[in-house]
Amino acid sequence: MRHGVSGRRLSRSSSHRRALATAQATALIREGRIETTLAKAKELRPYVESLITTAKGGSLHNIRTVGKDIHDRAVLKKLFEEIAPKFATRNGGYTRILRTGIRRGDAAPTAIIEFVE
């Protein structure tokens, strides 16, 4: 039984899920919006929102904490200098998920995840 177990497995090992989350979070911060499957978008949302909440602190400790997940320095700089100040007065809800339909190859539901304005 799965009592109290949260999160989706996404048919991947735990290390693969972590790598997927960091790669998609990096892409989302760099591009501002990405298209992916609905399940991946729903898993990515709380991950990215916690990174933004941490980045809003702005201290060296916060930079190093987020730097454990975001390895690209340019993306890390963008997160702390552009994205976090934009959401300084907002308490959560930094992203939105828009369903885009069904993927042709495997009929997977797709979605766009993007930052709110």
C-alpha atoms as a PDB file:
ATOM      1  CA  MET A   1       0.000   0.000   0.000  1.00  0.00           C
ATOM      2  CA  ARG A   2       1.153   3.541  -0.739  1.00  0.00           C
ATOM      3  CA  HIS A   3       0.035   5.225   2.485  1.00  0.00           C
ATOM      4  CA  GLY A   4       1.527   8.719   2.633  1.00  0.00           C
ATOM      5  CA  VAL A   5       3.797   8.227  -0.401  1.00  0.00           C
ATOM      6  CA  SER A   6       3.716  11.306  -2.600  1.00  0.00           C
ATOM      7  CA  GLY A   7       5.018  12.015  -6.075  1.00  0.00           C
ATOM      8  CA  ARG A   8       4.925  10.222  -9.398  1.00  0.00           C
ATOM      9  CA  ARG A   9       7.476   7.611 -10.436  1.00  0.00           C
ATOM     10  CA  LEU A  10       7.345   8.577 -14.134  1.00  0.00           C
ATOM     11  CA  SER A  11       8.769   5.119 -15.025  1.00  0.00           C
ATOM     12  CA  ARG A  12      12.233   6.215 -13.849  1.00  0.00           C
ATOM     13  CA  SER A  13      14.639   5.472 -11.029  1.00  0.00           C
ATOM     14  CA  SER A  14      14.993   8.014  -8.246  1.00  0.00           C
ATOM     15  CA  SER A  15      18.281   9.372  -9.612  1.00  0.00           C
ATOM     16  CA  HIS A  16      16.755   9.677 -13.093  1.00  0.00           C
ATOM     17  CA  ARG A  17      13.734  11.532 -11.671  1.00  0.00           C
ATOM     18  CA  ARG A  18      16.047  13.969  -9.874  1.00  0.00           C
ATOM     19  CA  ALA A  19      18.085  14.546 -13.033  1.00  0.00           C
ATOM     20  CA  LEU A  20      14.878  15.082 -15.017  1.00  0.00           C
ATOM     21  CA  ALA A  21      13.611  17.612 -12.466  1.00  0.00           C
ATOM     22  CA  THR A  22      16.847  19.610 -12.473  1.00  0.00           C
ATOM     23  CA  ALA A  23      17.078  19.585 -16.266  1.00  0.00           C
ATOM     24  CA  GLN A  24      13.480  20.694 -16.718  1.00  0.00           C
ATOM     25  CA  ALA A  25      13.774  23.342 -13.983  1.00  0.00           C
ATOM     26  CA  THR A  26      16.894  24.712 -15.689  1.00  0.00           C
ATOM     27  CA  ALA A  27      15.097  24.796 -19.053  1.00  0.00           C
ATOM     28  CA  LEU A  28      12.029  26.478 -17.546  1.00  0.00           C
ATOM     29  CA  ILE A  29      14.095  29.193 -15.860  1.00  0.00           C
ATOM     30  CA  ARG A  30      16.157  29.754 -19.014  1.00  0.00           C
ATOM     31  CA  GLU A  31      13.239  29.821 -21.488  1.00  0.00           C
ATOM     32  CA  GLY A  32      10.329  31.015 -19.342  1.00  0.00           C
ATOM     33  CA  ARG A  33       8.020  28.258 -20.617  1.00  0.00           C
ATOM     34  CA  ILE A  34       8.417  24.669 -21.751  1.00  0.00           C
ATOM     35  CA  GLU A  35       6.129  22.053 -23.254  1.00  0.00           C
ATOM     36  CA  THR A  36       6.166  18.616 -21.674  1.00  0.00           C
ATOM     37  CA  THR A  37       3.777  15.885 -20.595  1.00  0.00           C
ATOM     38  CA  LEU A  38       1.114  16.762 -18.064  1.00  0.00           C
ATOM     39  CA  ALA A  39       2.516  14.381 -15.421  1.00  0.00           C
ATOM     40  CA  LYS A  40       6.022  15.850 -15.730  1.00  0.00           C
ATOM     41  CA  ALA A  41       4.633  19.396 -15.548  1.00  0.00           C
ATOM     42  CA  LYS A  42       2.686  18.559 -12.388  1.00  0.00           C
ATOM     43  CA  GLU A  43       5.838  17.143 -10.790  1.00  0.00           C
ATOM     44  CA  LEU A  44       7.959  20.090 -11.915  1.00  0.00           C
ATOM     45  CA  ARG A  45       5.679  22.792 -10.485  1.00  0.00           C
ATOM     46  CA  PRO A  46       6.361  22.333  -6.737  1.00  0.00           C
ATOM     47  CA  TYR A  47      10.072  21.757  -7.439  1.00  0.00           C
ATOM     48  CA  VAL A  48      10.469  25.059  -9.312  1.00  0.00           C
ATOM     49  CA  GLU A  49       8.277  26.989  -6.905  1.00  0.00           C
ATOM     50  CA  SER A  50      10.405  25.915  -3.941  1.00  0.00           C
ATOM     51  CA  LEU A  51      13.537  27.018  -5.824  1.00  0.00           C
ATOM     52  CA  ILE A  52      11.984  30.448  -6.434  1.00  0.00           C
ATOM     53  CA  THR A  53      10.890  30.788  -2.811  1.00  0.00           C
ATOM     54  CA  THR A  54      14.433  29.984  -1.689  1.00  0.00           C
ATOM     55  CA  ALA A  55      15.879  32.418  -4.256  1.00  0.00           C
ATOM     56  CA  LYS A  56      13.701  35.230  -2.884  1.00  0.00           C
ATOM     57  CA  GLY A  57      15.915  35.205   0.230  1.00  0.00           C
ATOM     58  CA  GLY A  58      18.886  36.349  -1.815  1.00  0.00           C
ATOM     59  CA  SER A  59      21.617  35.425   0.674  1.00  0.00           C
ATOM     60  CA  LEU A  60      24.808  33.555  -0.144  1.00  0.00           C
ATOM     61  CA  HIS A  61      23.417  30.516   1.648  1.00  0.00           C
ATOM     62  CA  ASN A  62      20.328  30.626  -0.588  1.00  0.00           C
ATOM     63  CA  ILE A  63      22.498  30.868  -3.707  1.00  0.00           C
ATOM     64  CA  ARG A  64      24.497  27.815  -2.651  1.00  0.00           C
ATOM     65  CA  THR A  65      21.357  25.883  -1.724  1.00  0.00           C
ATOM     66  CA  VAL A  66      19.717  26.512  -5.105  1.00  0.00           C
ATOM     67  CA  GLY A  67      23.081  25.953  -6.799  1.00  0.00           C
ATOM     68  CA  LYS A  68      22.954  22.321  -5.704  1.00  0.00           C
ATOM     69  CA  ASP A  69      20.017  21.846  -8.079  1.00  0.00           C
ATOM     70  CA  ILE A  70      20.714  24.425 -10.803  1.00  0.00           C
ATOM     71  CA  HIS A  71      24.222  23.819 -12.167  1.00  0.00           C
ATOM     72  CA  ASP A  72      24.183  26.395 -14.977  1.00  0.00           C
ATOM     73  CA  ARG A  73      25.613  29.664 -13.624  1.00  0.00           C
ATOM     74  CA  ALA A  74      23.837  31.840 -16.184  1.00  0.00           C
ATOM     75  CA  VAL A  75      20.491  30.306 -15.242  1.00  0.00           C
ATOM     76  CA  LEU A  76      21.272  30.656 -11.539  1.00  0.00           C
ATOM     77  CA  LYS A  77      22.108  34.331 -12.069  1.00  0.00           C
ATOM     78  CA  LYS A  78      18.860  34.853 -14.013  1.00  0.00           C
ATOM     79  CA  LEU A  79      16.869  33.186 -11.222  1.00  0.00           C
ATOM     80  CA  PHE A  80      18.318  35.441  -8.508  1.00  0.00           C
ATOM     81  CA  GLU A  81      18.501  38.704 -10.457  1.00  0.00           C
ATOM     82  CA  GLU A  82      15.366  38.616 -12.650  1.00  0.00           C
ATOM     83  CA  ILE A  83      12.836  35.987 -11.601  1.00  0.00           C
ATOM     84  CA  ALA A  84      13.002  36.098  -7.784  1.00  0.00           C
ATOM     85  CA  PRO A  85      12.662  39.922  -7.548  1.00  0.00           C
ATOM     86  CA  LYS A  86       9.688  39.781  -9.929  1.00  0.00           C
ATOM     87  CA  PHE A  87       7.859  37.510  -7.448  1.00  0.00           C
ATOM     88  CA  ALA A  88       9.044  39.306  -4.303  1.00  0.00           C
ATOM     89  CA  THR A  89       5.528  40.304  -3.209  1.00  0.00           C
ATOM     90  CA  ARG A  90       3.837  37.071  -4.308  1.00  0.00           C
ATOM     91  CA  ASN A  91       3.350  34.190  -1.865  1.00  0.00           C
ATOM     92  CA  GLY A  92       3.569  31.137  -4.098  1.00  0.00           C
ATOM     93  CA  GLY A  93       1.767  30.361  -7.327  1.00  0.00           C
ATOM     94  CA  TYR A  94       4.645  31.393  -9.563  1.00  0.00           C
ATOM     95  CA  THR A  95       3.829  28.985 -12.404  1.00  0.00           C
ATOM     96  CA  ARG A  96       0.792  27.934 -14.417  1.00  0.00           C
ATOM     97  CA  ILE A  97       0.079  24.741 -16.306  1.00  0.00           C
ATOM     98  CA  LEU A  98      -1.896  24.954 -19.548  1.00  0.00           C
ATOM     99  CA  ARG A  99      -3.072  21.725 -21.138  1.00  0.00           C
ATOM    100  CA  THR A 100      -2.284  21.613 -24.852  1.00  0.00           C
ATOM    101  CA  GLY A 101      -3.849  18.348 -25.982  1.00  0.00           C
ATOM    102  CA  ILE A 102      -2.666  14.891 -26.859  1.00  0.00           C
ATOM    103  CA  ARG A 103       0.779  13.992 -28.265  1.00  0.00           C
ATOM    104  CA  ARG A 104       0.471  12.253 -31.603  1.00  0.00           C
ATOM    105  CA  GLY A 105       3.061   9.504 -31.105  1.00  0.00           C
ATOM    106  CA  ASP A 106       1.857   7.932 -27.876  1.00  0.00           C
ATOM    107  CA  ALA A 107      -1.348   9.805 -26.990  1.00  0.00           C
ATOM    108  CA  ALA A 108       0.230  11.306 -23.865  1.00  0.00           C
ATOM    109  CA  PRO A 109      -1.514  14.439 -22.558  1.00  0.00           C
ATOM    110  CA  THR A 110       0.798  17.417 -23.032  1.00  0.00           C
ATOM    111  CA  ALA A 111       0.958  20.756 -21.243  1.00  0.00           C
ATOM    112  CA  ILE A 112       2.864  24.014 -21.197  1.00  0.00           C
ATOM    113  CA  ILE A 113       4.304  25.140 -17.895  1.00  0.00           C
ATOM    114  CA  GLU A 114       5.213  28.817 -17.666  1.00  0.00           C
ATOM    115  CA  PHE A 115       5.760  31.610 -15.187  1.00  0.00           C
ATOM    116  CA  VAL A 116       2.813  33.857 -14.406  1.00  0.00           C
ATOM    117  CA  GLU A 117       3.199  37.533 -15.297  1.00  0.00           C
END
